[in-house]
């Protein structure tokens, strides 16, 4: 490995620096704790699990300054609805009920970074 590096780089004590770097890297790799693996849940169909997020504030247009982004986790289909940045959870639920539910169905799981 040293010879490959020397083809493109050189500095005083290059050999010692590379040796030290490799030893520290090797030591660190063996200190990592490996956690238990958990397989992802296999979803049964579209619109069973969705993520909902808000993009904003944006420039106001027709009295709205944000966009509710609703993404189906299976198909990655995106639905966008305009709203206000300070939208409440109740209003997001109303948007879902009035604009999305009629096209799809009630999801089993909703992921969001908003307050519960």
C-alpha atoms as a PDB file:
ATOM      1  CA  UNK A   1       0.000   0.000   0.000  1.00  0.00           C
ATOM      2  CA  UNK A   2       2.867   2.352   0.795  1.00  0.00           C
ATOM      3  CA  UNK A   3       4.196   2.043  -2.740  1.00  0.00           C
ATOM      4  CA  UNK A   4       0.813   2.994  -4.214  1.00  0.00           C
ATOM      5  CA  UNK A   5       0.618   6.095  -2.049  1.00  0.00           C
ATOM      6  CA  UNK A   6       4.222   7.053  -2.846  1.00  0.00           C
ATOM      7  CA  UNK A   7       3.387   7.109  -6.554  1.00  0.00           C
ATOM      8  CA  UNK A   8       1.308  10.252  -6.045  1.00  0.00           C
ATOM      9  CA  UNK A   9       2.389  11.712  -2.671  1.00  0.00           C
ATOM     10  CA  UNK A  10       5.479  12.391  -0.654  1.00  0.00           C
ATOM     11  CA  UNK A  11       6.319  14.165   2.585  1.00  0.00           C
ATOM     12  CA  UNK A  12       8.934  13.623   5.296  1.00  0.00           C
ATOM     13  CA  UNK A  13       8.096  10.624   7.510  1.00  0.00           C
ATOM     14  CA  UNK A  14       5.431   9.377   5.046  1.00  0.00           C
ATOM     15  CA  UNK A  15       6.156   5.766   5.994  1.00  0.00           C
ATOM     16  CA  UNK A  16       5.647   6.384   9.734  1.00  0.00           C
ATOM     17  CA  UNK A  17       2.482   8.451   9.174  1.00  0.00           C
ATOM     18  CA  UNK A  18       0.875   5.780   7.005  1.00  0.00           C
ATOM     19  CA  UNK A  19       1.819   3.012   9.419  1.00  0.00           C
ATOM     20  CA  UNK A  20       0.354   4.987  12.339  1.00  0.00           C
ATOM     21  CA  UNK A  21      -2.837   5.753  10.378  1.00  0.00           C
ATOM     22  CA  UNK A  22      -3.383   2.081   9.464  1.00  0.00           C
ATOM     23  CA  UNK A  23      -2.789   0.901  13.034  1.00  0.00           C
ATOM     24  CA  UNK A  24      -5.231   3.445  14.462  1.00  0.00           C
ATOM     25  CA  UNK A  25      -7.815   2.612  11.823  1.00  0.00           C
ATOM     26  CA  UNK A  26      -7.459  -1.122  12.497  1.00  0.00           C
ATOM     27  CA  UNK A  27      -7.718  -0.547  16.264  1.00  0.00           C
ATOM     28  CA  UNK A  28     -10.825   1.592  15.838  1.00  0.00           C
ATOM     29  CA  UNK A  29     -12.510  -0.964  13.565  1.00  0.00           C
ATOM     30  CA  UNK A  30     -12.253  -3.588  16.302  1.00  0.00           C
ATOM     31  CA  UNK A  31     -13.604  -1.271  19.004  1.00  0.00           C
ATOM     32  CA  UNK A  32     -16.922  -0.714  17.236  1.00  0.00           C
ATOM     33  CA  UNK A  33     -19.861  -2.401  18.860  1.00  0.00           C
ATOM     34  CA  UNK A  34     -22.015  -4.278  16.409  1.00  0.00           C
ATOM     35  CA  UNK A  35     -25.709  -4.028  17.146  1.00  0.00           C
ATOM     36  CA  UNK A  36     -28.406  -6.525  16.447  1.00  0.00           C
ATOM     37  CA  UNK A  37     -29.849  -6.309  12.943  1.00  0.00           C
ATOM     38  CA  UNK A  38     -33.564  -5.705  12.582  1.00  0.00           C
ATOM     39  CA  UNK A  39     -35.114  -6.390   9.184  1.00  0.00           C
ATOM     40  CA  UNK A  40     -37.410  -3.777   7.721  1.00  0.00           C
ATOM     41  CA  UNK A  41     -41.087  -4.543   7.829  1.00  0.00           C
ATOM     42  CA  UNK A  42     -42.473  -5.657   4.477  1.00  0.00           C
ATOM     43  CA  UNK A  43     -45.428  -3.474   3.646  1.00  0.00           C
ATOM     44  CA  UNK A  44     -48.522  -5.177   2.258  1.00  0.00           C
ATOM     45  CA  UNK A  45     -49.481  -2.532  -0.269  1.00  0.00           C
ATOM     46  CA  UNK A  46     -49.554   1.120  -1.210  1.00  0.00           C
ATOM     47  CA  UNK A  47     -50.744   3.803   1.205  1.00  0.00           C
ATOM     48  CA  UNK A  48     -50.328   1.559   4.262  1.00  0.00           C
ATOM     49  CA  UNK A  49     -47.464   3.695   5.544  1.00  0.00           C
ATOM     50  CA  UNK A  50     -46.961   7.351   4.671  1.00  0.00           C
ATOM     51  CA  UNK A  51     -44.630  10.135   5.696  1.00  0.00           C
ATOM     52  CA  UNK A  52     -45.929  13.659   6.179  1.00  0.00           C
ATOM     53  CA  UNK A  53     -43.696  16.727   6.320  1.00  0.00           C
ATOM     54  CA  UNK A  54     -44.018  20.469   5.892  1.00  0.00           C
ATOM     55  CA  UNK A  55     -41.881  22.570   3.531  1.00  0.00           C
ATOM     56  CA  UNK A  56     -41.823  26.224   4.498  1.00  0.00           C
ATOM     57  CA  UNK A  57     -41.916  29.039   5.065  1.00  0.00           C
ATOM     58  CA  UNK A  58     -42.080  29.903   1.388  1.00  0.00           C
ATOM     59  CA  UNK A  59     -43.086  33.092  -0.382  1.00  0.00           C
ATOM     60  CA  UNK A  60     -46.800  33.646   0.144  1.00  0.00           C
ATOM     61  CA  UNK A  61     -49.094  32.692  -2.699  1.00  0.00           C
ATOM     62  CA  UNK A  62     -52.890  32.822  -2.392  1.00  0.00           C
ATOM     63  CA  UNK A  63     -52.462  33.290   1.362  1.00  0.00           C
ATOM     64  CA  UNK A  64     -50.401  30.097   1.776  1.00  0.00           C
ATOM     65  CA  UNK A  65     -46.707  29.919   2.710  1.00  0.00           C
ATOM     66  CA  UNK A  66     -46.002  26.186   3.087  1.00  0.00           C
ATOM     67  CA  UNK A  67     -46.559  22.816   1.438  1.00  0.00           C
ATOM     68  CA  UNK A  68     -47.667  19.600   3.123  1.00  0.00           C
ATOM     69  CA  UNK A  69     -45.719  16.737   1.524  1.00  0.00           C
ATOM     70  CA  UNK A  70     -47.312  13.296   1.833  1.00  0.00           C
ATOM     71  CA  UNK A  71     -45.287  10.348   0.483  1.00  0.00           C
ATOM     72  CA  UNK A  72     -46.402   6.737   0.186  1.00  0.00           C
ATOM     73  CA  UNK A  73     -43.571   4.516   1.451  1.00  0.00           C
ATOM     74  CA  UNK A  74     -44.231   1.708  -1.069  1.00  0.00           C
ATOM     75  CA  UNK A  75     -44.803   3.483  -4.373  1.00  0.00           C
ATOM     76  CA  UNK A  76     -43.005   6.736  -3.431  1.00  0.00           C
ATOM     77  CA  UNK A  77     -46.028   8.589  -4.840  1.00  0.00           C
ATOM     78  CA  UNK A  78     -46.084  12.177  -3.613  1.00  0.00           C
ATOM     79  CA  UNK A  79     -49.102  14.330  -2.858  1.00  0.00           C
ATOM     80  CA  UNK A  80     -48.576  18.065  -2.272  1.00  0.00           C
ATOM     81  CA  UNK A  81     -51.078  20.398  -0.647  1.00  0.00           C
ATOM     82  CA  UNK A  82     -50.625  24.093   0.135  1.00  0.00           C
ATOM     83  CA  UNK A  83     -51.038  25.308   3.706  1.00  0.00           C
ATOM     84  CA  UNK A  84     -49.572  27.720   6.261  1.00  0.00           C
ATOM     85  CA  UNK A  85     -46.289  27.225   8.135  1.00  0.00           C
ATOM     86  CA  UNK A  86     -48.045  27.309  11.521  1.00  0.00           C
ATOM     87  CA  UNK A  87     -50.511  24.569  10.531  1.00  0.00           C
ATOM     88  CA  UNK A  88     -51.836  22.492  13.454  1.00  0.00           C
ATOM     89  CA  UNK A  89     -51.882  18.710  13.600  1.00  0.00           C
ATOM     90  CA  UNK A  90     -55.664  18.847  13.414  1.00  0.00           C
ATOM     91  CA  UNK A  91     -55.450  20.822  10.167  1.00  0.00           C
ATOM     92  CA  UNK A  92     -52.947  18.328   8.704  1.00  0.00           C
ATOM     93  CA  UNK A  93     -55.379  15.535   9.597  1.00  0.00           C
ATOM     94  CA  UNK A  94     -58.180  17.514   7.924  1.00  0.00           C
ATOM     95  CA  UNK A  95     -56.049  17.959   4.785  1.00  0.00           C
ATOM     96  CA  UNK A  96     -55.368  14.206   4.729  1.00  0.00           C
ATOM     97  CA  UNK A  97     -59.038  13.386   5.247  1.00  0.00           C
ATOM     98  CA  UNK A  98     -60.326  15.815   2.607  1.00  0.00           C
ATOM     99  CA  UNK A  99     -57.631  15.513  -0.076  1.00  0.00           C
ATOM    100  CA  UNK A 100     -55.832  12.154   0.267  1.00  0.00           C
ATOM    101  CA  UNK A 101     -58.178   9.672   1.919  1.00  0.00           C
ATOM    102  CA  UNK A 102     -60.729   9.961  -0.877  1.00  0.00           C
ATOM    103  CA  UNK A 103     -58.038   8.905  -3.369  1.00  0.00           C
ATOM    104  CA  UNK A 104     -56.346   6.222  -1.274  1.00  0.00           C
ATOM    105  CA  UNK A 105     -57.097   4.841   2.165  1.00  0.00           C
ATOM    106  CA  UNK A 106     -56.342   5.456   5.820  1.00  0.00           C
ATOM    107  CA  UNK A 107     -52.726   4.441   6.466  1.00  0.00           C
ATOM    108  CA  UNK A 108     -51.745   2.021   9.215  1.00  0.00           C
ATOM    109  CA  UNK A 109     -48.678   4.113  10.034  1.00  0.00           C
ATOM    110  CA  UNK A 110     -47.824   7.802   9.639  1.00  0.00           C
ATOM    111  CA  UNK A 111     -44.249   9.041  10.020  1.00  0.00           C
ATOM    112  CA  UNK A 112     -43.612  12.708  10.690  1.00  0.00           C
ATOM    113  CA  UNK A 113     -41.083  14.920  12.415  1.00  0.00           C
ATOM    114  CA  UNK A 114     -43.875  17.114  13.812  1.00  0.00           C
ATOM    115  CA  UNK A 115     -45.049  16.936  17.430  1.00  0.00           C
ATOM    116  CA  UNK A 116     -47.388  13.998  18.186  1.00  0.00           C
END
